[in-house]
PDB file of N, CA and C in Angstrom:
ATOM      1  N   MET A   1     159.883  52.354 139.291  1.00  0.00           N
ATOM      2  CA  MET A   1     158.959  50.919 139.544  1.00  0.00           C
ATOM      3  C   MET A   1     159.501  49.665 139.468  1.00  0.00           C
ATOM      4  N   ARG A   2     159.138  49.030 140.287  1.00  0.00           N
ATOM      5  CA  ARG A   2     159.635  47.452 140.533  1.00  0.00           C
ATOM      6  C   ARG A   2     159.177  46.468 139.385  1.00  0.00           C
ATOM      7  N   ASP A   3     159.800  45.588 138.903  1.00  0.00           N
ATOM      8  CA  ASP A   3     158.902  44.963 138.001  1.00  0.00           C
ATOM      9  C   ASP A   3     158.618  43.716 138.901  1.00  0.00           C
ATOM     10  N   ASP A   4     158.589  43.849 139.540  1.00  0.00           N
ATOM     11  CA  ASP A   4     157.645  43.015 140.402  1.00  0.00           C
ATOM     12  C   ASP A   4     156.143  43.053 141.538  1.00  0.00           C
ATOM     13  N   GLU A   5     156.562  44.670 141.110  1.00  0.00           N
ATOM     14  CA  GLU A   5     155.253  44.928 142.230  1.00  0.00           C
ATOM     15  C   GLU A   5     153.947  44.913 141.782  1.00  0.00           C
ATOM     16  N   LEU A   6     152.753  44.743 142.437  1.00  0.00           N
ATOM     17  CA  LEU A   6     151.531  44.267 142.057  1.00  0.00           C
ATOM     18  C   LEU A   6     150.840  45.778 142.473  1.00  0.00           C
ATOM     19  N   LEU A   7     149.987  46.153 141.748  1.00  0.00           N
ATOM     20  CA  LEU A   7     149.393  47.447 141.760  1.00  0.00           C
ATOM     21  C   LEU A   7     147.512  47.064 141.708  1.00  0.00           C
ATOM     22  N   THR A   8     147.003  48.061 142.699  1.00  0.00           N
ATOM     23  CA  THR A   8     145.960  47.498 142.816  1.00  0.00           C
ATOM     24  C   THR A   8     144.985  48.417 141.745  1.00  0.00           C
ATOM     25  N   ILE A   9     143.609  48.191 142.067  1.00  0.00           N
ATOM     26  CA  ILE A   9     143.242  48.768 140.367  1.00  0.00           C
ATOM     27  C   ILE A   9     143.377  50.312 140.413  1.00  0.00           C
ATOM     28  N   PRO A  10     143.440  51.157 141.753  1.00  0.00           N
ATOM     29  CA  PRO A  10     143.089  52.407 141.696  1.00  0.00           C
ATOM     30  C   PRO A  10     144.484  52.620 141.324  1.00  0.00           C
ATOM     31  N   GLU A  11     145.880  52.037 141.694  1.00  0.00           N
ATOM     32  CA  GLU A  11     146.908  52.781 141.638  1.00  0.00           C
ATOM     33  C   GLU A  11     147.430  52.277 139.855  1.00  0.00           C
ATOM     34  N   ALA A  12     147.173  51.210 139.318  1.00  0.00           N
ATOM     35  CA  ALA A  12     146.839  50.861 137.918  1.00  0.00           C
ATOM     36  C   ALA A  12     146.064  52.110 137.143  1.00  0.00           C
ATOM     37  N   MET A  13     144.718  52.627 137.587  1.00  0.00           N
ATOM     38  CA  MET A  13     144.553  53.610 137.099  1.00  0.00           C
ATOM     39  C   MET A  13     144.766  54.840 136.606  1.00  0.00           C
ATOM     40  N   ALA A  14     145.409  55.301 137.801  1.00  0.00           N
ATOM     41  CA  ALA A  14     146.536  56.396 138.036  1.00  0.00           C
ATOM     42  C   ALA A  14     147.543  56.633 137.408  1.00  0.00           C
ATOM     43  N   ARG A  15     148.537  55.347 137.270  1.00  0.00           N
ATOM     44  CA  ARG A  15     149.627  55.228 136.136  1.00  0.00           C
ATOM     45  C   ARG A  15     148.695  55.482 134.814  1.00  0.00           C
ATOM     46  N   LEU A  16     147.664  54.834 134.497  1.00  0.00           N
ATOM     47  CA  LEU A  16     147.499  55.166 132.978  1.00  0.00           C
ATOM     48  C   LEU A  16     146.841  56.119 132.851  1.00  0.00           C
ATOM     49  N   LYS A  17     146.500  56.533 133.930  1.00  0.00           N
ATOM     50  CA  LYS A  17     145.569  57.913 133.819  1.00  0.00           C
ATOM     51  C   LYS A  17     144.452  57.883 133.266  1.00  0.00           C
ATOM     52  N   ILE A  18     143.434  56.305 133.288  1.00  0.00           N
ATOM     53  CA  ILE A  18     142.371  56.111 132.696  1.00  0.00           C
ATOM     54  C   ILE A  18     140.731  56.164 133.744  1.00  0.00           C
ATOM     55  N   GLY A  19     140.012  55.831 133.611  1.00  0.00           N
ATOM     56  CA  GLY A  19     139.232  55.462 134.635  1.00  0.00           C
ATOM     57  C   GLY A  19     138.898  54.148 134.981  1.00  0.00           C
ATOM     58  N   ARG A  20     138.155  53.734 135.842  1.00  0.00           N
ATOM     59  CA  ARG A  20     137.645  52.634 136.360  1.00  0.00           C
ATOM     60  C   ARG A  20     137.277  51.259 135.070  1.00  0.00           C
ATOM     61  N   SER A  21     136.305  52.188 134.647  1.00  0.00           N
ATOM     62  CA  SER A  21     135.753  51.422 133.290  1.00  0.00           C
ATOM     63  C   SER A  21     136.742  51.193 132.342  1.00  0.00           C
ATOM     64  N   ALA A  22     137.159  51.882 131.919  1.00  0.00           N
ATOM     65  CA  ALA A  22     138.321  51.520 130.830  1.00  0.00           C
ATOM     66  C   ALA A  22     139.589  50.902 131.382  1.00  0.00           C
ATOM     67  N   LEU A  23     139.601  50.324 132.801  1.00  0.00           N
ATOM     68  CA  LEU A  23     140.857  49.671 133.001  1.00  0.00           C
ATOM     69  C   LEU A  23     140.150  48.370 132.869  1.00  0.00           C
ATOM     70  N   TYR A  24     138.998  48.001 133.671  1.00  0.00           N
ATOM     71  CA  TYR A  24     138.117  46.696 133.684  1.00  0.00           C
ATOM     72  C   TYR A  24     137.803  46.433 132.087  1.00  0.00           C
ATOM     73  N   ASP A  25     137.579  47.459 131.149  1.00  0.00           N
ATOM     74  CA  ASP A  25     137.603  46.547 129.804  1.00  0.00           C
ATOM     75  C   ASP A  25     138.938  46.179 129.187  1.00  0.00           C
ATOM     76  N   LEU A  26     139.833  46.710 129.767  1.00  0.00           N
ATOM     77  CA  LEU A  26     141.501  45.848 129.257  1.00  0.00           C
ATOM     78  C   LEU A  26     141.261  44.843 129.816  1.00  0.00           C
ATOM     79  N   LEU A  27     141.120  44.544 131.289  1.00  0.00           N
ATOM     80  CA  LEU A  27     141.226  43.455 132.040  1.00  0.00           C
ATOM     81  C   LEU A  27     140.313  42.572 131.215  1.00  0.00           C
ATOM     82  N   ARG A  28     139.044  42.803 130.902  1.00  0.00           N
ATOM     83  CA  ARG A  28     138.116  41.826 130.329  1.00  0.00           C
ATOM     84  C   ARG A  28     138.369  41.514 129.200  1.00  0.00           C
ATOM     85  N   THR A  29     139.123  42.383 128.176  1.00  0.00           N
ATOM     86  CA  THR A  29     139.377  41.825 127.221  1.00  0.00           C
ATOM     87  C   THR A  29     140.801  41.690 126.824  1.00  0.00           C
ATOM     88  N   ARG A  30     141.462  41.221 128.148  1.00  0.00           N
ATOM     89  CA  ARG A  30     142.776  40.675 127.984  1.00  0.00           C
ATOM     90  C   ARG A  30     143.637  41.051 127.530  1.00  0.00           C
ATOM     91  N   ARG A  31     143.638  42.689 127.213  1.00  0.00           N
ATOM     92  CA  ARG A  31     144.644  43.396 126.713  1.00  0.00           C
ATOM     93  C   ARG A  31     145.766  43.929 127.640  1.00  0.00           C
ATOM     94  N   LEU A  32     145.155  43.489 128.924  1.00  0.00           N
ATOM     95  CA  LEU A  32     145.903  43.944 130.240  1.00  0.00           C
ATOM     96  C   LEU A  32     146.443  42.566 131.202  1.00  0.00           C
ATOM     97  N   ALA A  33     147.231  42.212 131.083  1.00  0.00           N
ATOM     98  CA  ALA A  33     147.600  41.164 132.344  1.00  0.00           C
ATOM     99  C   ALA A  33     147.121  41.607 134.142  1.00  0.00           C
ATOM    100  N   SER A  34     146.558  40.528 134.452  1.00  0.00           N
ATOM    101  CA  SER A  34     146.182  40.706 135.785  1.00  0.00           C
ATOM    102  C   SER A  34     146.135  39.337 136.519  1.00  0.00           C
ATOM    103  N   LEU A  35     146.040  39.428 137.849  1.00  0.00           N
ATOM    104  CA  LEU A  35     145.641  38.423 138.713  1.00  0.00           C
ATOM    105  C   LEU A  35     144.811  38.394 140.252  1.00  0.00           C
ATOM    106  N   THR A  36     144.311  37.049 140.323  1.00  0.00           N
ATOM    107  CA  THR A  36     143.769  37.781 141.420  1.00  0.00           C
ATOM    108  C   THR A  36     144.087  36.816 142.866  1.00  0.00           C
ATOM    109  N   ILE A  37     144.261  37.457 143.857  1.00  0.00           N
ATOM    110  CA  ILE A  37     144.728  36.854 144.932  1.00  0.00           C
ATOM    111  C   ILE A  37     143.723  36.593 145.949  1.00  0.00           C
ATOM    112  N   GLY A  38     142.779  35.658 146.406  1.00  0.00           N
ATOM    113  CA  GLY A  38     141.674  35.931 146.784  1.00  0.00           C
ATOM    114  C   GLY A  38     140.608  36.852 146.338  1.00  0.00           C
ATOM    115  N   ARG A  39     140.181  37.532 146.800  1.00  0.00           N
ATOM    116  CA  ARG A  39     139.273  38.568 146.004  1.00  0.00           C
ATOM    117  C   ARG A  39     139.951  39.638 145.567  1.00  0.00           C
ATOM    118  N   ALA A  40     140.914  39.853 145.689  1.00  0.00           N
ATOM    119  CA  ALA A  40     141.854  41.063 145.013  1.00  0.00           C
ATOM    120  C   ALA A  40     142.154  40.881 143.696  1.00  0.00           C
ATOM    121  N   ARG A  41     141.813  41.793 142.966  1.00  0.00           N
ATOM    122  CA  ARG A  41     142.849  41.539 141.597  1.00  0.00           C
ATOM    123  C   ARG A  41     144.065  42.672 142.044  1.00  0.00           C
ATOM    124  N   ARG A  42     145.078  42.097 141.152  1.00  0.00           N
ATOM    125  CA  ARG A  42     146.188  42.664 141.279  1.00  0.00           C
ATOM    126  C   ARG A  42     146.843  43.219 139.920  1.00  0.00           C
ATOM    127  N   ILE A  43     147.572  43.941 139.160  1.00  0.00           N
ATOM    128  CA  ILE A  43     148.214  44.117 138.122  1.00  0.00           C
ATOM    129  C   ILE A  43     149.482  44.254 138.301  1.00  0.00           C
ATOM    130  N   PRO A  44     150.192  43.220 137.638  1.00  0.00           N
ATOM    131  CA  PRO A  44     152.022  43.591 137.689  1.00  0.00           C
ATOM    132  C   PRO A  44     152.124  44.686 137.446  1.00  0.00           C
ATOM    133  N   ALA A  45     152.953  45.590 137.758  1.00  0.00           N
ATOM    134  CA  ALA A  45     153.445  46.918 137.168  1.00  0.00           C
ATOM    135  C   ALA A  45     154.423  46.303 135.867  1.00  0.00           C
ATOM    136  N   HIS A  46     155.071  45.501 135.395  1.00  0.00           N
ATOM    137  CA  HIS A  46     155.294  45.281 134.194  1.00  0.00           C
ATOM    138  C   HIS A  46     154.472  44.959 132.851  1.00  0.00           C
ATOM    139  N   ALA A  47     153.000  44.501 133.314  1.00  0.00           N
ATOM    140  CA  ALA A  47     152.057  44.483 132.436  1.00  0.00           C
ATOM    141  C   ALA A  47     151.885  45.692 132.242  1.00  0.00           C
ATOM    142  N   LEU A  48     151.783  46.725 132.787  1.00  0.00           N
ATOM    143  CA  LEU A  48     151.281  48.158 132.280  1.00  0.00           C
ATOM    144  C   LEU A  48     152.598  48.431 131.790  1.00  0.00           C
ATOM    145  N   ASP A  49     153.930  48.317 131.969  1.00  0.00           N
ATOM    146  CA  ASP A  49     154.890  48.513 130.716  1.00  0.00           C
ATOM    147  C   ASP A  49     154.361  47.824 129.158  1.00  0.00           C
ATOM    148  N   ASP A  50     154.058  46.846 129.331  1.00  0.00           N
ATOM    149  CA  ASP A  50     153.912  45.875 128.560  1.00  0.00           C
ATOM    150  C   ASP A  50     152.952  46.397 127.134  1.00  0.00           C
ATOM    151  N   TYR A  51     151.856  47.096 127.818  1.00  0.00           N
ATOM    152  CA  TYR A  51     150.749  47.351 127.763  1.00  0.00           C
ATOM    153  C   TYR A  51     150.997  48.635 126.258  1.00  0.00           C
ATOM    154  N   VAL A  52     151.444  49.434 127.338  1.00  0.00           N
ATOM    155  CA  VAL A  52     152.139  50.667 126.846  1.00  0.00           C
ATOM    156  C   VAL A  52     152.831  50.722 125.576  1.00  0.00           C
ATOM    157  N   GLN A  53     153.660  49.776 125.845  1.00  0.00           N
ATOM    158  CA  GLN A  53     154.799  49.443 124.361  1.00  0.00           C
ATOM    159  C   GLN A  53     154.305  48.970 123.409  1.00  0.00           C
ATOM    160  N   ARG A  54     153.454  47.899 123.741  1.00  0.00           N
ATOM    161  CA  ARG A  54     152.367  47.644 122.496  1.00  0.00           C
ATOM    162  C   ARG A  54     151.248  48.533 121.965  1.00  0.00           C
ATOM    163  N   HIS A  55     150.770  49.374 122.731  1.00  0.00           N
ATOM    164  CA  HIS A  55     150.109  50.473 121.969  1.00  0.00           C
ATOM    165  C   HIS A  55     151.044  51.597 121.136  1.00  0.00           C
ATOM    166  N   LEU A  56     152.120  51.818 122.206  1.00  0.00           N
ATOM    167  CA  LEU A  56     152.843  52.258 121.012  1.00  0.00           C
ATOM    168  C   LEU A  56     153.517  52.062 119.544  1.00  0.00           C
ATOM    169  N   GLU A  57     153.828  50.871 119.775  1.00  0.00           N
ATOM    170  CA  GLU A  57     154.007  50.066 118.249  1.00  0.00           C
ATOM    171  C   GLU A  57     152.808  49.974 117.490  1.00  0.00           C
ATOM    172  N   GLU A  58     151.462  49.322 117.795  1.00  0.00           N
ATOM    173  CA  GLU A  58     150.289  49.836 116.973  1.00  0.00           C
ATOM    174  C   GLU A  58     150.307  51.237 116.365  1.00  0.00           C
ATOM    175  N   ALA A  59     150.440  52.167 117.019  1.00  0.00           N
ATOM    176  CA  ALA A  59     150.148  53.651 117.091  1.00  0.00           C
ATOM    177  C   ALA A  59     151.175  54.138 116.024  1.00  0.00           C
ATOM    178  N   ALA A  60     152.206  53.175 115.776  1.00  0.00           N
ATOM    179  CA  ALA A  60     153.644  53.873 114.935  1.00  0.00           C
ATOM    180  C   ALA A  60     152.857  53.090 113.607  1.00  0.00           C
ATOM    181  N   ARG A  61     152.353  52.142 113.489  1.00  0.00           N
ATOM    182  CA  ARG A  61     152.229  51.712 112.584  1.00  0.00           C
ATOM    183  C   ARG A  61     151.552  52.105 111.298  1.00  0.00           C
TER     184      ARG A  61
END
């Protein structure tokens, strides 16, 4: 996965193996970073890695 890769909502859902509502909840609460290009929402691939890493660190506490 390239660090500068921008993922669509369905691609991010597939990589995290979660549903649309769960992904939009992460975006709404700003636990997962995203950007908007025109009307399209894109999620940087590194944001998924960052989210997973933070989640693992929290679980280890």
